[in-house]
Amino acid sequence: MTKKLFNETEWHKWGDLYIFIDPFTATNLNFTPRTMTTQKSTIRRIYDFYADGFKTLSPWARNMWAIILIKLFIMFVIFKLFFFRDTLKNRFPTDQERSNHVIEQITTPKNHHNNGAH
């Protein structure tokens, strides 16, 4: 007769998972029914995934992420404020005039002269 390595009572259901708890080493574990049955939302699980990942980053990786975030801030905020002015809003007072100008620019063919070739 084969000897069982564990007792079925040492397997615990936690959500959809069955976990094995060694009764000799895990005597003080406290699994309340509330934590075992609560399901996290998908957004919360995604947030936890990235938050745990960033917590375990090495110092040089955190510095790299800081540099990346600073560069993104400069590209999308600073450049937008100082270099990319809203010329359509300055030239045309209404949305209708702006949309007409854009349609004309996109659809009207330009006259190109290729040294007399047709």
PDB file of N, CA and C in Angstrom:
ATOM      1  N   MET A   1       0.843  -1.175   0.000  1.00  0.00           N
ATOM      2  CA  MET A   1       0.000   0.000   0.000  1.00  0.00           C
ATOM      3  C   MET A   1       0.892   1.243   0.000  1.00  0.00           C
ATOM      4  N   THR A   2       0.559   2.208  -0.881  1.00  0.00           N
ATOM      5  CA  THR A   2       1.371   3.424  -0.977  1.00  0.00           C
ATOM      6  C   THR A   2       0.980   4.415   0.108  1.00  0.00           C
ATOM      7  N   LYS A   3       1.982   5.109   0.587  1.00  0.00           N
ATOM      8  CA  LYS A   3       1.753   6.094   1.639  1.00  0.00           C
ATOM      9  C   LYS A   3       1.453   7.449   0.992  1.00  0.00           C
ATOM     10  N   LYS A   4       0.437   8.149   1.511  1.00  0.00           N
ATOM     11  CA  LYS A   4       0.104   9.472   1.011  1.00  0.00           C
ATOM     12  C   LYS A   4       1.121  10.473   1.546  1.00  0.00           C
ATOM     13  N   LEU A   5       1.561  11.352   0.675  1.00  0.00           N
ATOM     14  CA  LEU A   5       2.514  12.366   1.098  1.00  0.00           C
ATOM     15  C   LEU A   5       1.830  13.541   1.782  1.00  0.00           C
ATOM     16  N   PHE A   6       0.544  13.717   1.559  1.00  0.00           N
ATOM     17  CA  PHE A   6      -0.181  14.820   2.183  1.00  0.00           C
ATOM     18  C   PHE A   6      -1.617  14.403   2.434  1.00  0.00           C
ATOM     19  N   ASN A   7      -2.249  15.144   3.256  1.00  0.00           N
ATOM     20  CA  ASN A   7      -3.640  14.910   3.597  1.00  0.00           C
ATOM     21  C   ASN A   7      -4.508  15.847   2.754  1.00  0.00           C
ATOM     22  N   GLU A   8      -5.673  15.395   2.352  1.00  0.00           N
ATOM     23  CA  GLU A   8      -6.545  16.236   1.528  1.00  0.00           C
ATOM     24  C   GLU A   8      -6.970  17.509   2.263  1.00  0.00           C
ATOM     25  N   THR A   9      -6.949  17.528   3.564  1.00  0.00           N
ATOM     26  CA  THR A   9      -7.351  18.727   4.301  1.00  0.00           C
ATOM     27  C   THR A   9      -6.297  19.823   4.209  1.00  0.00           C
ATOM     28  N   GLU A  10      -5.108  19.497   3.724  1.00  0.00           N
ATOM     29  CA  GLU A  10      -4.066  20.501   3.594  1.00  0.00           C
ATOM     30  C   GLU A  10      -4.188  21.285   2.286  1.00  0.00           C
ATOM     31  N   TRP A  11      -5.083  20.859   1.398  1.00  0.00           N
ATOM     32  CA  TRP A  11      -5.355  21.606   0.185  1.00  0.00           C
ATOM     33  C   TRP A  11      -6.478  22.579   0.467  1.00  0.00           C
ATOM     34  N   HIS A  12      -6.265  23.861   0.131  1.00  0.00           N
ATOM     35  CA  HIS A  12      -7.262  24.895   0.393  1.00  0.00           C
ATOM     36  C   HIS A  12      -7.639  25.578  -0.912  1.00  0.00           C
ATOM     37  N   LYS A  13      -8.922  25.845  -1.043  1.00  0.00           N
ATOM     38  CA  LYS A  13      -9.398  26.528  -2.235  1.00  0.00           C
ATOM     39  C   LYS A  13      -9.308  28.028  -1.991  1.00  0.00           C
ATOM     40  N   TRP A  14      -8.675  28.733  -2.933  1.00  0.00           N
ATOM     41  CA  TRP A  14      -8.547  30.175  -2.837  1.00  0.00           C
ATOM     42  C   TRP A  14      -8.946  30.749  -4.194  1.00  0.00           C
ATOM     43  N   GLY A  15     -10.182  31.210  -4.316  1.00  0.00           N
ATOM     44  CA  GLY A  15     -10.719  31.626  -5.607  1.00  0.00           C
ATOM     45  C   GLY A  15     -10.851  30.407  -6.492  1.00  0.00           C
ATOM     46  N   ASP A  16     -10.224  30.442  -7.641  1.00  0.00           N
ATOM     47  CA  ASP A  16     -10.228  29.299  -8.554  1.00  0.00           C
ATOM     48  C   ASP A  16      -9.008  28.414  -8.352  1.00  0.00           C
ATOM     49  N   LEU A  17      -8.122  28.778  -7.425  1.00  0.00           N
ATOM     50  CA  LEU A  17      -6.895  28.034  -7.220  1.00  0.00           C
ATOM     51  C   LEU A  17      -6.989  27.138  -5.998  1.00  0.00           C
ATOM     52  N   TYR A  18      -6.293  26.037  -6.058  1.00  0.00           N
ATOM     53  CA  TYR A  18      -6.126  25.180  -4.892  1.00  0.00           C
ATOM     54  C   TYR A  18      -4.678  25.315  -4.453  1.00  0.00           C
ATOM     55  N   ILE A  19      -4.470  25.675  -3.200  1.00  0.00           N
ATOM     56  CA  ILE A  19      -3.111  25.840  -2.707  1.00  0.00           C
ATOM     57  C   ILE A  19      -2.847  24.807  -1.628  1.00  0.00           C
ATOM     58  N   PHE A  20      -1.609  24.379  -1.560  1.00  0.00           N
ATOM     59  CA  PHE A  20      -1.194  23.398  -0.566  1.00  0.00           C
ATOM     60  C   PHE A  20      -0.497  24.130   0.571  1.00  0.00           C
ATOM     61  N   ILE A  21      -0.972  23.937   1.787  1.00  0.00           N
ATOM     62  CA  ILE A  21      -0.373  24.559   2.955  1.00  0.00           C
ATOM     63  C   ILE A  21       0.166  23.452   3.850  1.00  0.00           C
ATOM     64  N   ASP A  22       1.454  23.530   4.101  1.00  0.00           N
ATOM     65  CA  ASP A  22       2.101  22.554   4.976  1.00  0.00           C
ATOM     66  C   ASP A  22       1.712  22.873   6.417  1.00  0.00           C
ATOM     67  N   PRO A  23       1.033  21.983   7.102  1.00  0.00           N
ATOM     68  CA  PRO A  23       0.557  22.301   8.455  1.00  0.00           C
ATOM     69  C   PRO A  23       1.686  22.457   9.473  1.00  0.00           C
ATOM     70  N   PHE A  24       2.866  21.967   9.157  1.00  0.00           N
ATOM     71  CA  PHE A  24       3.962  22.068  10.114  1.00  0.00           C
ATOM     72  C   PHE A  24       4.652  23.433  10.066  1.00  0.00           C
ATOM     73  N   THR A  25       4.707  24.037   8.881  1.00  0.00           N
ATOM     74  CA  THR A  25       5.409  25.314   8.753  1.00  0.00           C
ATOM     75  C   THR A  25       4.469  26.505   8.654  1.00  0.00           C
ATOM     76  N   ALA A  26       3.220  26.298   8.361  1.00  0.00           N
ATOM     77  CA  ALA A  26       2.294  27.407   8.154  1.00  0.00           C
ATOM     78  C   ALA A  26       1.160  27.380   9.160  1.00  0.00           C
ATOM     79  N   THR A  27       1.472  27.216  10.415  1.00  0.00           N
ATOM     80  CA  THR A  27       0.419  27.114  11.428  1.00  0.00           C
ATOM     81  C   THR A  27      -0.231  28.454  11.732  1.00  0.00           C
ATOM     82  N   ASN A  28       0.465  29.568  11.467  1.00  0.00           N
ATOM     83  CA  ASN A  28      -0.087  30.870  11.821  1.00  0.00           C
ATOM     84  C   ASN A  28      -0.715  31.608  10.645  1.00  0.00           C
ATOM     85  N   LEU A  29      -0.923  30.941   9.531  1.00  0.00           N
ATOM     86  CA  LEU A  29      -1.560  31.607   8.392  1.00  0.00           C
ATOM     87  C   LEU A  29      -3.020  31.867   8.705  1.00  0.00           C
ATOM     88  N   ASN A  30      -3.487  33.049   8.351  1.00  0.00           N
ATOM     89  CA  ASN A  30      -4.860  33.427   8.634  1.00  0.00           C
ATOM     90  C   ASN A  30      -5.532  33.799   7.314  1.00  0.00           C
ATOM     91  N   PHE A  31      -6.278  32.867   6.753  1.00  0.00           N
ATOM     92  CA  PHE A  31      -7.027  33.141   5.542  1.00  0.00           C
ATOM     93  C   PHE A  31      -8.475  33.386   5.937  1.00  0.00           C
ATOM     94  N   THR A  32      -8.898  34.641   5.827  1.00  0.00           N
ATOM     95  CA  THR A  32     -10.290  34.944   6.148  1.00  0.00           C
ATOM     96  C   THR A  32     -11.133  34.699   4.913  1.00  0.00           C
ATOM     97  N   PRO A  33     -12.378  34.330   5.090  1.00  0.00           N
ATOM     98  CA  PRO A  33     -13.228  34.080   3.925  1.00  0.00           C
ATOM     99  C   PRO A  33     -13.373  35.306   3.024  1.00  0.00           C
ATOM    100  N   ARG A  34     -13.312  36.510   3.601  1.00  0.00           N
ATOM    101  CA  ARG A  34     -13.460  37.724   2.808  1.00  0.00           C
ATOM    102  C   ARG A  34     -12.321  37.853   1.792  1.00  0.00           C
ATOM    103  N   THR A  35     -11.088  37.627   2.202  1.00  0.00           N
ATOM    104  CA  THR A  35      -9.966  37.755   1.276  1.00  0.00           C
ATOM    105  C   THR A  35      -9.924  36.597   0.301  1.00  0.00           C
ATOM    106  N   MET A  36     -10.487  35.481   0.666  1.00  0.00           N
ATOM    107  CA  MET A  36     -10.441  34.335  -0.237  1.00  0.00           C
ATOM    108  C   MET A  36     -11.503  34.447  -1.329  1.00  0.00           C
ATOM    109  N   THR A  37     -12.587  35.162  -1.085  1.00  0.00           N
ATOM    110  CA  THR A  37     -13.669  35.208  -2.058  1.00  0.00           C
ATOM    111  C   THR A  37     -13.716  36.517  -2.834  1.00  0.00           C
ATOM    112  N   THR A  38     -12.973  37.533  -2.434  1.00  0.00           N
ATOM    113  CA  THR A  38     -13.024  38.819  -3.124  1.00  0.00           C
ATOM    114  C   THR A  38     -12.265  38.727  -4.437  1.00  0.00           C
ATOM    115  N   GLN A  39     -12.885  39.203  -5.488  1.00  0.00           N
ATOM    116  CA  GLN A  39     -12.249  39.247  -6.794  1.00  0.00           C
ATOM    117  C   GLN A  39     -11.843  40.683  -7.078  1.00  0.00           C
ATOM    118  N   LYS A  40     -10.600  40.890  -7.523  1.00  0.00           N
ATOM    119  CA  LYS A  40     -10.145  42.222  -7.886  1.00  0.00           C
ATOM    120  C   LYS A  40     -10.594  42.542  -9.308  1.00  0.00           C
ATOM    121  N   SER A  41     -10.869  43.823  -9.546  1.00  0.00           N
ATOM    122  CA  SER A  41     -11.246  44.227 -10.891  1.00  0.00           C
ATOM    123  C   SER A  41     -10.030  44.119 -11.806  1.00  0.00           C
ATOM    124  N   THR A  42     -10.288  44.084 -13.080  1.00  0.00           N
ATOM    125  CA  THR A  42      -9.210  43.958 -14.057  1.00  0.00           C
ATOM    126  C   THR A  42      -8.276  45.160 -13.992  1.00  0.00           C
ATOM    127  N   ILE A  43      -8.827  46.342 -13.829  1.00  0.00           N
ATOM    128  CA  ILE A  43      -7.994  47.545 -13.748  1.00  0.00           C
ATOM    129  C   ILE A  43      -7.106  47.484 -12.509  1.00  0.00           C
ATOM    130  N   ARG A  44      -7.651  47.036 -11.399  1.00  0.00           N
ATOM    131  CA  ARG A  44      -6.865  46.940 -10.171  1.00  0.00           C
ATOM    132  C   ARG A  44      -5.740  45.909 -10.322  1.00  0.00           C
ATOM    133  N   ARG A  45      -6.019  44.776 -10.980  1.00  0.00           N
ATOM    134  CA  ARG A  45      -4.982  43.757 -11.182  1.00  0.00           C
ATOM    135  C   ARG A  45      -3.875  44.282 -12.089  1.00  0.00           C
ATOM    136  N   ILE A  46      -4.237  45.048 -13.131  1.00  0.00           N
ATOM    137  CA  ILE A  46      -3.229  45.625 -14.013  1.00  0.00           C
ATOM    138  C   ILE A  46      -2.389  46.635 -13.234  1.00  0.00           C
ATOM    139  N   TYR A  47      -3.042  47.483 -12.435  1.00  0.00           N
ATOM    140  CA  TYR A  47      -2.305  48.452 -11.620  1.00  0.00           C
ATOM    141  C   TYR A  47      -1.353  47.735 -10.660  1.00  0.00           C
ATOM    142  N   ASP A  48      -1.842  46.707  -9.973  1.00  0.00           N
ATOM    143  CA  ASP A  48      -0.995  45.955  -9.038  1.00  0.00           C
ATOM    144  C   ASP A  48       0.193  45.318  -9.746  1.00  0.00           C
ATOM    145  N   PHE A  49      -0.037  44.812 -10.960  1.00  0.00           N
ATOM    146  CA  PHE A  49       1.032  44.195 -11.734  1.00  0.00           C
ATOM    147  C   PHE A  49       2.163  45.189 -11.991  1.00  0.00           C
ATOM    148  N   TYR A  50       1.805  46.385 -12.481  1.00  0.00           N
ATOM    149  CA  TYR A  50       2.835  47.381 -12.781  1.00  0.00           C
ATOM    150  C   TYR A  50       3.430  47.974 -11.508  1.00  0.00           C
ATOM    151  N   ALA A  51       2.618  48.193 -10.471  1.00  0.00           N
ATOM    152  CA  ALA A  51       3.143  48.750  -9.224  1.00  0.00           C
ATOM    153  C   ALA A  51       4.155  47.789  -8.599  1.00  0.00           C
ATOM    154  N   ASP A  52       3.847  46.505  -8.581  1.00  0.00           N
ATOM    155  CA  ASP A  52       4.804  45.523  -8.054  1.00  0.00           C
ATOM    156  C   ASP A  52       6.073  45.473  -8.896  1.00  0.00           C
ATOM    157  N   GLY A  53       5.917  45.598 -10.203  1.00  0.00           N
ATOM    158  CA  GLY A  53       7.078  45.600 -11.077  1.00  0.00           C
ATOM    159  C   GLY A  53       7.984  46.791 -10.832  1.00  0.00           C
ATOM    160  N   PHE A  54       7.387  47.975 -10.653  1.00  0.00           N
ATOM    161  CA  PHE A  54       8.205  49.164 -10.412  1.00  0.00           C
ATOM    162  C   PHE A  54       8.837  49.145  -9.031  1.00  0.00           C
ATOM    163  N   LYS A  55       8.197  48.503  -8.081  1.00  0.00           N
ATOM    164  CA  LYS A  55       8.776  48.413  -6.734  1.00  0.00           C
ATOM    165  C   LYS A  55      10.040  47.556  -6.724  1.00  0.00           C
ATOM    166  N   THR A  56      10.100  46.592  -7.609  1.00  0.00           N
ATOM    167  CA  THR A  56      11.235  45.670  -7.612  1.00  0.00           C
ATOM    168  C   THR A  56      12.321  46.061  -8.611  1.00  0.00           C
ATOM    169  N   LEU A  57      12.203  47.239  -9.215  1.00  0.00           N
ATOM    170  CA  LEU A  57      13.221  47.672 -10.172  1.00  0.00           C
ATOM    171  C   LEU A  57      14.534  47.981  -9.471  1.00  0.00           C
ATOM    172  N   SER A  58      15.606  47.777 -10.189  1.00  0.00           N
ATOM    173  CA  SER A  58      16.922  48.148  -9.667  1.00  0.00           C
ATOM    174  C   SER A  58      17.061  49.667  -9.742  1.00  0.00           C
ATOM    175  N   PRO A  59      18.004  50.237  -9.008  1.00  0.00           N
ATOM    176  CA  PRO A  59      18.156  51.710  -9.014  1.00  0.00           C
ATOM    177  C   PRO A  59      18.446  52.296 -10.397  1.00  0.00           C
ATOM    178  N   TRP A  60      19.256  51.617 -11.205  1.00  0.00           N
ATOM    179  CA  TRP A  60      19.543  52.174 -12.527  1.00  0.00           C
ATOM    180  C   TRP A  60      18.304  52.131 -13.413  1.00  0.00           C
ATOM    181  N   ALA A  61      17.450  51.113 -13.241  1.00  0.00           N
ATOM    182  CA  ALA A  61      16.224  51.037 -14.037  1.00  0.00           C
ATOM    183  C   ALA A  61      15.250  52.145 -13.635  1.00  0.00           C
ATOM    184  N   ARG A  62      15.199  52.470 -12.346  1.00  0.00           N
ATOM    185  CA  ARG A  62      14.350  53.587 -11.912  1.00  0.00           C
ATOM    186  C   ARG A  62      14.854  54.898 -12.505  1.00  0.00           C
ATOM    187  N   ASN A  63      16.175  55.070 -12.546  1.00  0.00           N
ATOM    188  CA  ASN A  63      16.733  56.283 -13.156  1.00  0.00           C
ATOM    189  C   ASN A  63      16.380  56.361 -14.633  1.00  0.00           C
ATOM    190  N   MET A  64      16.417  55.229 -15.320  1.00  0.00           N
ATOM    191  CA  MET A  64      16.074  55.217 -16.741  1.00  0.00           C
ATOM    192  C   MET A  64      14.607  55.599 -16.952  1.00  0.00           C
ATOM    193  N   TRP A  65      13.722  55.072 -16.105  1.00  0.00           N
ATOM    194  CA  TRP A  65      12.307  55.430 -16.211  1.00  0.00           C
ATOM    195  C   TRP A  65      12.091  56.909 -15.904  1.00  0.00           C
ATOM    196  N   ALA A  66      12.849  57.456 -14.960  1.00  0.00           N
ATOM    197  CA  ALA A  66      12.737  58.887 -14.661  1.00  0.00           C
ATOM    198  C   ALA A  66      13.149  59.708 -15.878  1.00  0.00           C
ATOM    199  N   ILE A  67      14.221  59.310 -16.541  1.00  0.00           N
ATOM    200  CA  ILE A  67      14.675  60.018 -17.744  1.00  0.00           C
ATOM    201  C   ILE A  67      13.620  59.919 -18.841  1.00  0.00           C
ATOM    202  N   ILE A  68      13.046  58.745 -19.031  1.00  0.00           N
ATOM    203  CA  ILE A  68      12.012  58.564 -20.063  1.00  0.00           C
ATOM    204  C   ILE A  68      10.808  59.449 -19.770  1.00  0.00           C
ATOM    205  N   LEU A  69      10.353  59.490 -18.527  1.00  0.00           N
ATOM    206  CA  LEU A  69       9.181  60.302 -18.183  1.00  0.00           C
ATOM    207  C   LEU A  69       9.467  61.796 -18.339  1.00  0.00           C
ATOM    208  N   ILE A  70      10.661  62.229 -17.992  1.00  0.00           N
ATOM    209  CA  ILE A  70      11.025  63.638 -18.181  1.00  0.00           C
ATOM    210  C   ILE A  70      11.042  63.990 -19.666  1.00  0.00           C
ATOM    211  N   LYS A  71      11.591  63.107 -20.498  1.00  0.00           N
ATOM    212  CA  LYS A  71      11.624  63.355 -21.939  1.00  0.00           C
ATOM    213  C   LYS A  71      10.205  63.406 -22.524  1.00  0.00           C
ATOM    214  N   LEU A  72       9.330  62.520 -22.081  1.00  0.00           N
ATOM    215  CA  LEU A  72       7.948  62.554 -22.562  1.00  0.00           C
ATOM    216  C   LEU A  72       7.254  63.843 -22.153  1.00  0.00           C
ATOM    217  N   PHE A  73       7.489  64.293 -20.920  1.00  0.00           N
ATOM    218  CA  PHE A  73       6.912  65.544 -20.455  1.00  0.00           C
ATOM    219  C   PHE A  73       7.391  66.700 -21.324  1.00  0.00           C
ATOM    220  N   ILE A  74       8.674  66.733 -21.610  1.00  0.00           N
ATOM    221  CA  ILE A  74       9.218  67.808 -22.451  1.00  0.00           C
ATOM    222  C   ILE A  74       8.606  67.761 -23.844  1.00  0.00           C
ATOM    223  N   MET A  75       8.522  66.570 -24.425  1.00  0.00           N
ATOM    224  CA  MET A  75       8.010  66.456 -25.790  1.00  0.00           C
ATOM    225  C   MET A  75       6.544  66.860 -25.895  1.00  0.00           C
ATOM    226  N   PHE A  76       5.716  66.402 -24.970  1.00  0.00           N
ATOM    227  CA  PHE A  76       4.283  66.624 -25.123  1.00  0.00           C
ATOM    228  C   PHE A  76       3.776  67.894 -24.470  1.00  0.00           C
ATOM    229  N   VAL A  77       4.446  68.425 -23.471  1.00  0.00           N
ATOM    230  CA  VAL A  77       3.947  69.619 -22.790  1.00  0.00           C
ATOM    231  C   VAL A  77       4.735  70.855 -23.211  1.00  0.00           C
ATOM    232  N   ILE A  78       6.027  70.829 -23.050  1.00  0.00           N
ATOM    233  CA  ILE A  78       6.839  72.006 -23.329  1.00  0.00           C
ATOM    234  C   ILE A  78       6.814  72.342 -24.822  1.00  0.00           C
ATOM    235  N   PHE A  79       7.027  71.349 -25.671  1.00  0.00           N
ATOM    236  CA  PHE A  79       7.005  71.619 -27.107  1.00  0.00           C
ATOM    237  C   PHE A  79       5.638  72.121 -27.551  1.00  0.00           C
ATOM    238  N   LYS A  80       4.582  71.551 -27.028  1.00  0.00           N
ATOM    239  CA  LYS A  80       3.227  71.981 -27.399  1.00  0.00           C
ATOM    240  C   LYS A  80       3.008  73.440 -27.022  1.00  0.00           C
ATOM    241  N   LEU A  81       3.466  73.835 -25.847  1.00  0.00           N
ATOM    242  CA  LEU A  81       3.251  75.206 -25.399  1.00  0.00           C
ATOM    243  C   LEU A  81       4.047  76.226 -26.198  1.00  0.00           C
ATOM    244  N   PHE A  82       5.302  75.917 -26.512  1.00  0.00           N
ATOM    245  CA  PHE A  82       6.173  76.924 -27.096  1.00  0.00           C
ATOM    246  C   PHE A  82       6.387  76.814 -28.600  1.00  0.00           C
ATOM    247  N   PHE A  83       6.259  75.646 -29.185  1.00  0.00           N
ATOM    248  CA  PHE A  83       6.601  75.490 -30.585  1.00  0.00           C
ATOM    249  C   PHE A  83       5.416  75.223 -31.495  1.00  0.00           C
ATOM    250  N   PHE A  84       4.391  74.555 -31.022  1.00  0.00           N
ATOM    251  CA  PHE A  84       3.267  74.191 -31.880  1.00  0.00           C
ATOM    252  C   PHE A  84       2.070  75.062 -31.540  1.00  0.00           C
ATOM    253  N   ARG A  85       2.030  76.222 -32.137  1.00  0.00           N
ATOM    254  CA  ARG A  85       0.932  77.150 -31.915  1.00  0.00           C
ATOM    255  C   ARG A  85      -0.295  76.669 -32.696  1.00  0.00           C
ATOM    256  N   ASP A  86      -1.455  77.090 -32.237  1.00  0.00           N
ATOM    257  CA  ASP A  86      -2.697  76.714 -32.900  1.00  0.00           C
ATOM    258  C   ASP A  86      -2.992  77.743 -33.985  1.00  0.00           C
ATOM    259  N   THR A  87      -2.388  77.543 -35.161  1.00  0.00           N
ATOM    260  CA  THR A  87      -2.503  78.543 -36.238  1.00  0.00           C
ATOM    261  C   THR A  87      -3.904  78.589 -36.831  1.00  0.00           C
ATOM    262  N   LEU A  88      -4.599  77.469 -36.879  1.00  0.00           N
ATOM    263  CA  LEU A  88      -5.961  77.499 -37.414  1.00  0.00           C
ATOM    264  C   LEU A  88      -6.865  78.343 -36.534  1.00  0.00           C
ATOM    265  N   LYS A  89      -6.703  78.235 -35.238  1.00  0.00           N
ATOM    266  CA  LYS A  89      -7.542  79.016 -34.327  1.00  0.00           C
ATOM    267  C   LYS A  89      -7.228  80.508 -34.440  1.00  0.00           C
ATOM    268  N   ASN A  90      -5.964  80.836 -34.716  1.00  0.00           N
ATOM    269  CA  ASN A  90      -5.592  82.241 -34.859  1.00  0.00           C
ATOM    270  C   ASN A  90      -6.050  82.829 -36.190  1.00  0.00           C
ATOM    271  N   ARG A  91      -6.067  82.035 -37.252  1.00  0.00           N
ATOM    272  CA  ARG A  91      -6.425  82.539 -38.585  1.00  0.00           C
ATOM    273  C   ARG A  91      -7.930  82.552 -38.840  1.00  0.00           C
ATOM    274  N   PHE A  92      -8.654  81.574 -38.271  1.00  0.00           N
ATOM    275  CA  PHE A  92     -10.076  81.435 -38.579  1.00  0.00           C
ATOM    276  C   PHE A  92     -10.886  81.455 -37.280  1.00  0.00           C
ATOM    277  N   PRO A  93     -11.907  82.307 -37.197  1.00  0.00           N
ATOM    278  CA  PRO A  93     -12.637  82.448 -35.934  1.00  0.00           C
ATOM    279  C   PRO A  93     -13.621  81.307 -35.622  1.00  0.00           C
ATOM    280  N   THR A  94     -14.154  80.633 -36.638  1.00  0.00           N
ATOM    281  CA  THR A  94     -15.171  79.604 -36.366  1.00  0.00           C
ATOM    282  C   THR A  94     -14.666  78.223 -36.784  1.00  0.00           C
ATOM    283  N   ASP A  95     -15.305  77.201 -36.219  1.00  0.00           N
ATOM    284  CA  ASP A  95     -14.959  75.820 -36.571  1.00  0.00           C
ATOM    285  C   ASP A  95     -15.265  75.525 -38.037  1.00  0.00           C
ATOM    286  N   GLN A  96     -16.341  76.111 -38.552  1.00  0.00           N
ATOM    287  CA  GLN A  96     -16.728  75.880 -39.940  1.00  0.00           C
ATOM    288  C   GLN A  96     -15.655  76.410 -40.896  1.00  0.00           C
ATOM    289  N   GLU A  97     -15.134  77.595 -40.620  1.00  0.00           N
ATOM    290  CA  GLU A  97     -14.083  78.153 -41.472  1.00  0.00           C
ATOM    291  C   GLU A  97     -12.805  77.324 -41.387  1.00  0.00           C
ATOM    292  N   ARG A  98     -12.484  76.827 -40.206  1.00  0.00           N
ATOM    293  CA  ARG A  98     -11.299  75.976 -40.039  1.00  0.00           C
ATOM    294  C   ARG A  98     -11.439  74.692 -40.827  1.00  0.00           C
ATOM    295  N   SER A  99     -12.616  74.058 -40.713  1.00  0.00           N
ATOM    296  CA  SER A  99     -12.821  72.789 -41.417  1.00  0.00           C
ATOM    297  C   SER A  99     -12.820  72.999 -42.928  1.00  0.00           C
ATOM    298  N   ASN A 100     -13.388  74.107 -43.399  1.00  0.00           N
ATOM    299  CA  ASN A 100     -13.358  74.396 -44.842  1.00  0.00           C
ATOM    300  C   ASN A 100     -11.926  74.588 -45.325  1.00  0.00           C
ATOM    301  N   HIS A 101     -11.117  75.290 -44.564  1.00  0.00           N
ATOM    302  CA  HIS A 101      -9.719  75.499 -44.948  1.00  0.00           C
ATOM    303  C   HIS A 101      -8.965  74.167 -45.031  1.00  0.00           C
ATOM    304  N   VAL A 102      -9.171  73.299 -44.039  1.00  0.00           N
ATOM    305  CA  VAL A 102      -8.482  72.007 -44.036  1.00  0.00           C
ATOM    306  C   VAL A 102      -8.926  71.168 -45.235  1.00  0.00           C
ATOM    307  N   ILE A 103     -10.215  71.135 -45.516  1.00  0.00           N
ATOM    308  CA  ILE A 103     -10.716  70.362 -46.663  1.00  0.00           C
ATOM    309  C   ILE A 103     -10.141  70.897 -47.970  1.00  0.00           C
ATOM    310  N   GLU A 104     -10.076  72.234 -48.095  1.00  0.00           N
ATOM    311  CA  GLU A 104      -9.501  72.815 -49.314  1.00  0.00           C
ATOM    312  C   GLU A 104      -8.026  72.452 -49.460  1.00  0.00           C
ATOM    313  N   GLN A 105      -7.291  72.474 -48.368  1.00  0.00           N
ATOM    314  CA  GLN A 105      -5.865  72.161 -48.428  1.00  0.00           C
ATOM    315  C   GLN A 105      -5.613  70.699 -48.780  1.00  0.00           C
ATOM    316  N   ILE A 106      -6.502  69.839 -48.330  1.00  0.00           N
ATOM    317  CA  ILE A 106      -6.311  68.405 -48.568  1.00  0.00           C
ATOM    318  C   ILE A 106      -6.769  68.009 -49.968  1.00  0.00           C
ATOM    319  N   THR A 107      -7.885  68.569 -50.417  1.00  0.00           N
ATOM    320  CA  THR A 107      -8.498  68.087 -51.658  1.00  0.00           C
ATOM    321  C   THR A 107      -8.135  68.890 -52.897  1.00  0.00           C
ATOM    322  N   THR A 108      -7.712  70.128 -52.760  1.00  0.00           N
ATOM    323  CA  THR A 108      -7.402  70.947 -53.928  1.00  0.00           C
ATOM    324  C   THR A 108      -6.027  70.576 -54.467  1.00  0.00           C
ATOM    325  N   PRO A 109      -5.949  70.180 -55.738  1.00  0.00           N
ATOM    326  CA  PRO A 109      -4.634  69.822 -56.289  1.00  0.00           C
ATOM    327  C   PRO A 109      -3.793  71.083 -56.508  1.00  0.00           C
ATOM    328  N   LYS A 110      -2.511  70.949 -56.326  1.00  0.00           N
ATOM    329  CA  LYS A 110      -1.564  72.040 -56.562  1.00  0.00           C
ATOM    330  C   LYS A 110      -1.121  71.997 -58.011  1.00  0.00           C
ATOM    331  N   ASN A 111      -0.848  73.158 -58.582  1.00  0.00           N
ATOM    332  CA  ASN A 111      -0.329  73.223 -59.953  1.00  0.00           C
ATOM    333  C   ASN A 111       1.177  73.085 -59.875  1.00  0.00           C
ATOM    334  N   HIS A 112       1.681  71.966 -60.359  1.00  0.00           N
ATOM    335  CA  HIS A 112       3.120  71.728 -60.381  1.00  0.00           C
ATOM    336  C   HIS A 112       3.622  71.884 -61.808  1.00  0.00           C
ATOM    337  N   HIS A 113       4.679  72.664 -61.974  1.00  0.00           N
ATOM    338  CA  HIS A 113       5.287  72.826 -63.297  1.00  0.00           C
ATOM    339  C   HIS A 113       6.569  72.021 -63.311  1.00  0.00           C
ATOM    340  N   ASN A 114       6.602  71.016 -64.149  1.00  0.00           N
ATOM    341  CA  ASN A 114       7.786  70.133 -64.242  1.00  0.00           C
ATOM    342  C   ASN A 114       8.584  70.472 -65.492  1.00  0.00           C
ATOM    343  N   ASN A 115       9.092  71.676 -65.595  1.00  0.00           N
ATOM    344  CA  ASN A 115       9.926  72.111 -66.715  1.00  0.00           C
ATOM    345  C   ASN A 115       9.242  71.869 -68.045  1.00  0.00           C
ATOM    346  N   GLY A 116       8.001  72.193 -68.157  1.00  0.00           N
ATOM    347  CA  GLY A 116       7.276  72.077 -69.416  1.00  0.00           C
ATOM    348  C   GLY A 116       6.724  70.711 -69.712  1.00  0.00           C
ATOM    349  N   ALA A 117       7.013  69.689 -68.919  1.00  0.00           N
ATOM    350  CA  ALA A 117       6.488  68.350 -69.184  1.00  0.00           C
ATOM    351  C   ALA A 117       5.073  68.258 -68.654  1.00  0.00           C
ATOM    352  N   HIS A 118       4.222  67.585 -69.411  1.00  0.00           N
ATOM    353  CA  HIS A 118       2.830  67.452 -68.984  1.00  0.00           C
ATOM    354  C   HIS A 118       2.527  66.071 -68.544  1.00  0.00           C
TER     355      HIS A 118
END
